[in-house]
């Protein structure tokens, strides 16, 4: 059913992988001597398709935010309300300001 959906164009890709330990290592386990197929869809295409899908319009937080309740306690609800997203945004803004300032 999932593969028959008409939304998006992210084809399946196959990557063949093998553990890095050489197969001729004494005592190597059987699974370390095999090659495996890793099937995936390109995450960039999948994300682009999600963002282009009108069903998701207004459902994503595109920028970090801090939310507090009536008691002035911080409310954590998803990735963009977390400290990491906030710090990354502030860092990127400061880097942009510093680069712009040094160009003057």
N, C-alpha and C. Protein backbone atom coordinates (compact mmCIF):
# COMPACT_ATOMS: atom_id res chain seq x y z
N UNK A 1 0.83 -1.19 0.00
CA UNK A 1 0.00 0.00 0.00
C UNK A 1 0.87 1.26 0.00
N UNK A 2 1.91 1.27 0.86
CA UNK A 2 2.78 2.45 0.94
C UNK A 2 3.48 2.69 -0.39
N UNK A 3 3.97 1.63 -1.01
CA UNK A 3 4.69 1.78 -2.26
C UNK A 3 3.79 2.21 -3.41
N UNK A 4 2.48 2.02 -3.29
CA UNK A 4 1.58 2.39 -4.39
C UNK A 4 1.10 3.83 -4.29
N UNK A 5 1.46 4.56 -3.24
CA UNK A 5 1.01 5.94 -3.10
C UNK A 5 1.55 6.81 -4.24
N UNK A 6 0.76 7.75 -4.67
CA UNK A 6 1.15 8.62 -5.78
C UNK A 6 1.78 9.93 -5.29
N UNK A 7 1.82 10.15 -3.98
CA UNK A 7 2.42 11.37 -3.44
C UNK A 7 3.93 11.19 -3.35
N UNK A 8 4.65 12.00 -4.07
CA UNK A 8 6.10 11.98 -3.97
C UNK A 8 6.75 11.13 -5.04
N UNK A 9 8.05 11.27 -5.11
CA UNK A 9 8.81 10.56 -6.13
C UNK A 9 10.15 10.11 -5.58
N UNK A 10 10.15 9.60 -4.37
CA UNK A 10 11.39 9.17 -3.74
C UNK A 10 11.58 7.68 -4.00
N UNK A 11 12.38 7.33 -5.01
CA UNK A 11 12.56 5.91 -5.32
C UNK A 11 13.42 5.21 -4.26
N UNK A 12 13.22 3.91 -4.16
CA UNK A 12 14.05 3.12 -3.27
C UNK A 12 15.45 3.03 -3.85
N UNK A 13 16.45 3.04 -2.96
CA UNK A 13 17.85 2.87 -3.35
C UNK A 13 18.43 1.74 -2.51
N UNK A 14 19.44 1.10 -3.03
CA UNK A 14 20.07 -0.01 -2.31
C UNK A 14 21.55 0.28 -2.12
N UNK A 15 22.00 0.10 -0.91
CA UNK A 15 23.42 0.25 -0.58
C UNK A 15 23.89 -1.07 -0.01
N UNK A 16 24.92 -1.64 -0.59
CA UNK A 16 25.46 -2.90 -0.09
C UNK A 16 26.57 -2.59 0.91
N UNK A 17 26.45 -3.18 2.09
CA UNK A 17 27.41 -2.91 3.16
C UNK A 17 27.97 -4.22 3.70
N UNK A 18 29.17 -4.11 4.22
CA UNK A 18 29.85 -5.26 4.83
C UNK A 18 30.57 -4.73 6.07
N UNK A 19 30.51 -5.46 7.18
CA UNK A 19 31.25 -5.01 8.37
C UNK A 19 32.72 -4.77 8.04
N UNK A 20 33.34 -3.85 8.76
CA UNK A 20 34.70 -3.45 8.42
C UNK A 20 35.75 -4.47 8.84
N UNK A 21 35.40 -5.42 9.70
CA UNK A 21 36.37 -6.43 10.11
C UNK A 21 36.60 -7.41 8.94
N UNK A 22 37.85 -7.66 8.57
CA UNK A 22 38.11 -8.59 7.47
C UNK A 22 37.54 -9.97 7.77
N UNK A 23 36.98 -10.61 6.74
CA UNK A 23 36.35 -11.93 6.91
C UNK A 23 37.36 -13.00 7.31
N UNK A 24 38.64 -12.79 6.99
CA UNK A 24 39.64 -13.81 7.30
C UNK A 24 40.23 -13.65 8.70
N UNK A 25 39.66 -12.75 9.53
CA UNK A 25 40.12 -12.58 10.89
C UNK A 25 39.82 -13.86 11.67
N UNK A 26 40.80 -14.42 12.38
CA UNK A 26 40.54 -15.65 13.14
C UNK A 26 39.39 -15.44 14.13
N UNK A 27 38.45 -16.38 14.12
CA UNK A 27 37.32 -16.32 15.05
C UNK A 27 36.23 -15.34 14.64
N UNK A 28 36.28 -14.83 13.40
CA UNK A 28 35.27 -13.88 12.94
C UNK A 28 33.90 -14.55 12.95
N UNK A 29 32.90 -13.84 13.41
CA UNK A 29 31.55 -14.38 13.46
C UNK A 29 30.95 -14.38 12.06
N UNK A 30 30.00 -15.30 11.84
CA UNK A 30 29.42 -15.46 10.50
C UNK A 30 28.82 -14.17 9.97
N UNK A 31 28.12 -13.42 10.83
CA UNK A 31 27.46 -12.21 10.34
C UNK A 31 28.47 -11.16 9.90
N UNK A 32 29.69 -11.23 10.40
CA UNK A 32 30.73 -10.27 10.01
C UNK A 32 31.33 -10.61 8.65
N UNK A 33 31.03 -11.80 8.13
CA UNK A 33 31.59 -12.21 6.85
C UNK A 33 30.58 -12.04 5.71
N UNK A 34 29.39 -11.55 6.02
CA UNK A 34 28.34 -11.42 5.01
C UNK A 34 28.21 -9.99 4.52
N UNK A 35 27.66 -9.88 3.32
CA UNK A 35 27.33 -8.57 2.76
C UNK A 35 25.82 -8.37 2.94
N UNK A 36 25.42 -7.15 3.28
CA UNK A 36 24.01 -6.86 3.53
C UNK A 36 23.53 -5.76 2.61
N UNK A 37 22.24 -5.84 2.26
CA UNK A 37 21.61 -4.80 1.46
C UNK A 37 20.85 -3.87 2.40
N UNK A 38 21.13 -2.59 2.28
CA UNK A 38 20.44 -1.57 3.07
C UNK A 38 19.56 -0.77 2.10
N UNK A 39 18.24 -0.93 2.23
CA UNK A 39 17.30 -0.24 1.36
C UNK A 39 16.80 1.02 2.04
N UNK A 40 16.76 2.10 1.30
CA UNK A 40 16.35 3.38 1.87
C UNK A 40 15.81 4.29 0.77
N UNK A 41 15.15 5.34 1.19
CA UNK A 41 14.73 6.40 0.28
C UNK A 41 15.53 7.64 0.65
N UNK A 42 15.89 8.42 -0.34
CA UNK A 42 16.71 9.62 -0.12
C UNK A 42 15.99 10.54 0.86
N UNK A 43 16.56 10.77 2.05
CA UNK A 43 15.90 11.61 3.06
C UNK A 43 15.60 13.02 2.58
N UNK A 44 16.47 13.58 1.73
CA UNK A 44 16.23 14.94 1.23
C UNK A 44 14.97 14.99 0.36
N UNK A 45 14.79 13.98 -0.49
CA UNK A 45 13.59 13.94 -1.34
C UNK A 45 12.35 13.70 -0.48
N UNK A 46 12.44 12.80 0.49
CA UNK A 46 11.30 12.53 1.37
C UNK A 46 10.89 13.79 2.11
N UNK A 47 11.86 14.51 2.67
CA UNK A 47 11.57 15.75 3.39
C UNK A 47 10.97 16.81 2.48
N UNK A 48 11.52 16.94 1.28
CA UNK A 48 10.99 17.92 0.32
C UNK A 48 9.54 17.58 -0.02
N UNK A 49 9.25 16.29 -0.23
CA UNK A 49 7.89 15.88 -0.53
C UNK A 49 6.93 16.18 0.62
N UNK A 50 7.41 15.98 1.85
CA UNK A 50 6.57 16.29 3.01
C UNK A 50 6.28 17.79 3.09
N UNK A 51 7.31 18.60 2.87
CA UNK A 51 7.12 20.05 2.95
C UNK A 51 6.27 20.59 1.81
N UNK A 52 6.30 19.92 0.66
CA UNK A 52 5.49 20.33 -0.48
C UNK A 52 4.04 19.84 -0.40
N UNK A 53 3.78 18.90 0.49
CA UNK A 53 2.45 18.31 0.60
C UNK A 53 1.49 19.28 1.30
N UNK A 54 0.40 19.69 0.65
CA UNK A 54 -0.53 20.65 1.27
C UNK A 54 -1.21 20.10 2.52
N UNK A 55 -1.25 18.79 2.70
CA UNK A 55 -1.85 18.21 3.92
C UNK A 55 -1.06 18.59 5.17
N UNK A 56 0.22 18.91 5.02
CA UNK A 56 1.05 19.26 6.16
C UNK A 56 1.16 20.78 6.37
N UNK A 57 0.47 21.55 5.55
CA UNK A 57 0.55 23.01 5.65
C UNK A 57 0.12 23.47 7.05
N UNK A 58 0.98 24.21 7.71
CA UNK A 58 0.69 24.72 9.05
C UNK A 58 0.95 23.70 10.16
N UNK A 59 1.50 22.54 9.83
CA UNK A 59 1.72 21.49 10.82
C UNK A 59 3.16 21.39 11.29
N UNK A 60 4.07 22.17 10.70
CA UNK A 60 5.49 22.12 11.06
C UNK A 60 5.90 23.41 11.76
N UNK A 61 6.79 23.28 12.74
CA UNK A 61 7.44 24.45 13.32
C UNK A 61 8.75 24.62 12.57
N UNK A 62 8.90 25.74 11.87
CA UNK A 62 10.09 25.96 11.06
C UNK A 62 11.21 26.66 11.81
N UNK A 63 10.91 27.20 12.97
CA UNK A 63 11.94 27.89 13.72
C UNK A 63 11.80 27.55 15.20
N UNK A 64 12.91 27.65 15.93
CA UNK A 64 12.88 27.35 17.36
C UNK A 64 12.00 28.34 18.12
N UNK A 65 11.45 27.88 19.21
CA UNK A 65 10.61 28.76 20.03
C UNK A 65 10.70 28.33 21.49
N UNK A 66 10.36 29.26 22.37
CA UNK A 66 10.27 28.99 23.80
C UNK A 66 8.83 29.29 24.20
N UNK A 67 8.20 28.32 24.84
CA UNK A 67 6.81 28.47 25.27
C UNK A 67 6.76 28.34 26.79
N UNK A 68 6.08 29.26 27.45
CA UNK A 68 5.92 29.20 28.90
C UNK A 68 4.43 29.18 29.23
N UNK A 69 4.09 28.53 30.36
CA UNK A 69 2.69 28.47 30.76
C UNK A 69 2.35 29.65 31.66
N UNK A 70 1.14 29.64 32.22
CA UNK A 70 0.67 30.75 33.05
C UNK A 70 1.51 30.94 34.30
N UNK A 71 2.16 29.86 34.76
CA UNK A 71 3.03 29.94 35.95
C UNK A 71 4.46 30.27 35.59
N UNK A 72 4.69 30.68 34.37
CA UNK A 72 6.01 31.05 33.87
C UNK A 72 6.98 29.87 33.87
N UNK A 73 6.44 28.64 33.70
CA UNK A 73 7.28 27.45 33.59
C UNK A 73 7.37 27.07 32.12
N UNK A 74 8.56 26.71 31.72
CA UNK A 74 8.78 26.37 30.31
C UNK A 74 8.05 25.09 29.94
N UNK A 75 7.45 25.09 28.76
CA UNK A 75 6.73 23.92 28.24
C UNK A 75 7.54 23.34 27.09
N UNK A 76 7.90 22.07 27.23
CA UNK A 76 8.66 21.36 26.21
C UNK A 76 7.68 20.49 25.45
N UNK A 77 7.64 20.63 24.11
CA UNK A 77 6.66 19.84 23.38
C UNK A 77 7.23 19.11 22.17
N UNK A 78 8.25 19.62 21.53
CA UNK A 78 8.84 18.95 20.38
C UNK A 78 10.27 19.45 20.18
N UNK A 79 10.89 18.98 19.11
CA UNK A 79 12.30 19.31 18.85
C UNK A 79 12.55 20.82 18.81
N UNK A 80 11.68 21.56 18.14
CA UNK A 80 11.92 22.99 17.98
C UNK A 80 11.70 23.78 19.28
N UNK A 81 11.11 23.16 20.29
CA UNK A 81 10.98 23.84 21.58
C UNK A 81 12.14 23.50 22.51
N UNK A 82 13.08 22.70 22.02
CA UNK A 82 14.20 22.26 22.85
C UNK A 82 15.39 23.21 22.82
N UNK A 83 16.29 22.99 23.76
CA UNK A 83 17.48 23.84 23.88
C UNK A 83 18.41 23.73 22.68
N UNK A 84 18.57 22.52 22.13
CA UNK A 84 19.51 22.35 21.02
C UNK A 84 19.09 23.20 19.82
N UNK A 85 17.82 23.12 19.44
CA UNK A 85 17.35 23.91 18.30
C UNK A 85 17.53 25.40 18.56
N UNK A 86 17.23 25.82 19.78
CA UNK A 86 17.37 27.24 20.14
C UNK A 86 18.83 27.68 20.05
N UNK A 87 19.74 26.88 20.62
CA UNK A 87 21.17 27.23 20.59
C UNK A 87 21.72 27.27 19.17
N UNK A 88 21.30 26.33 18.32
CA UNK A 88 21.76 26.33 16.94
C UNK A 88 21.30 27.59 16.22
N UNK A 89 20.07 27.99 16.43
CA UNK A 89 19.54 29.19 15.79
C UNK A 89 20.31 30.43 16.24
N UNK A 90 20.49 30.56 17.54
CA UNK A 90 21.21 31.72 18.08
C UNK A 90 22.65 31.73 17.57
N UNK A 91 23.29 30.58 17.54
CA UNK A 91 24.66 30.50 17.03
C UNK A 91 24.73 30.94 15.58
N UNK A 92 23.79 30.45 14.75
CA UNK A 92 23.78 30.83 13.34
C UNK A 92 23.56 32.32 13.15
N UNK A 93 22.70 32.91 13.96
CA UNK A 93 22.45 34.35 13.89
C UNK A 93 23.71 35.12 14.26
N UNK A 94 24.39 34.69 15.34
CA UNK A 94 25.61 35.38 15.77
C UNK A 94 26.70 35.26 14.71
N UNK A 95 26.84 34.10 14.11
CA UNK A 95 27.85 33.92 13.05
C UNK A 95 27.54 34.84 11.87
N UNK A 96 26.28 34.93 11.49
CA UNK A 96 25.88 35.81 10.39
C UNK A 96 26.20 37.27 10.72
N UNK A 97 25.91 37.68 11.94
CA UNK A 97 26.19 39.06 12.36
C UNK A 97 27.70 39.32 12.33
N UNK A 98 28.48 38.37 12.85
CA UNK A 98 29.94 38.56 12.88
C UNK A 98 30.51 38.63 11.47
N UNK A 99 30.03 37.78 10.58
CA UNK A 99 30.51 37.80 9.20
C UNK A 99 30.13 39.13 8.54
N UNK A 100 28.90 39.57 8.76
CA UNK A 100 28.47 40.84 8.18
C UNK A 100 29.28 42.00 8.74
N UNK A 101 29.56 41.99 10.05
CA UNK A 101 30.32 43.05 10.69
C UNK A 101 31.75 43.09 10.18
N UNK A 102 32.34 41.90 10.00
CA UNK A 102 33.76 41.87 9.56
C UNK A 102 33.89 42.31 8.10
N UNK A 103 32.80 42.27 7.33
CA UNK A 103 32.85 42.69 5.93
C UNK A 103 32.79 44.20 5.78
N UNK A 104 32.45 44.90 6.86
CA UNK A 104 32.33 46.37 6.80
C UNK A 104 33.69 47.01 6.81
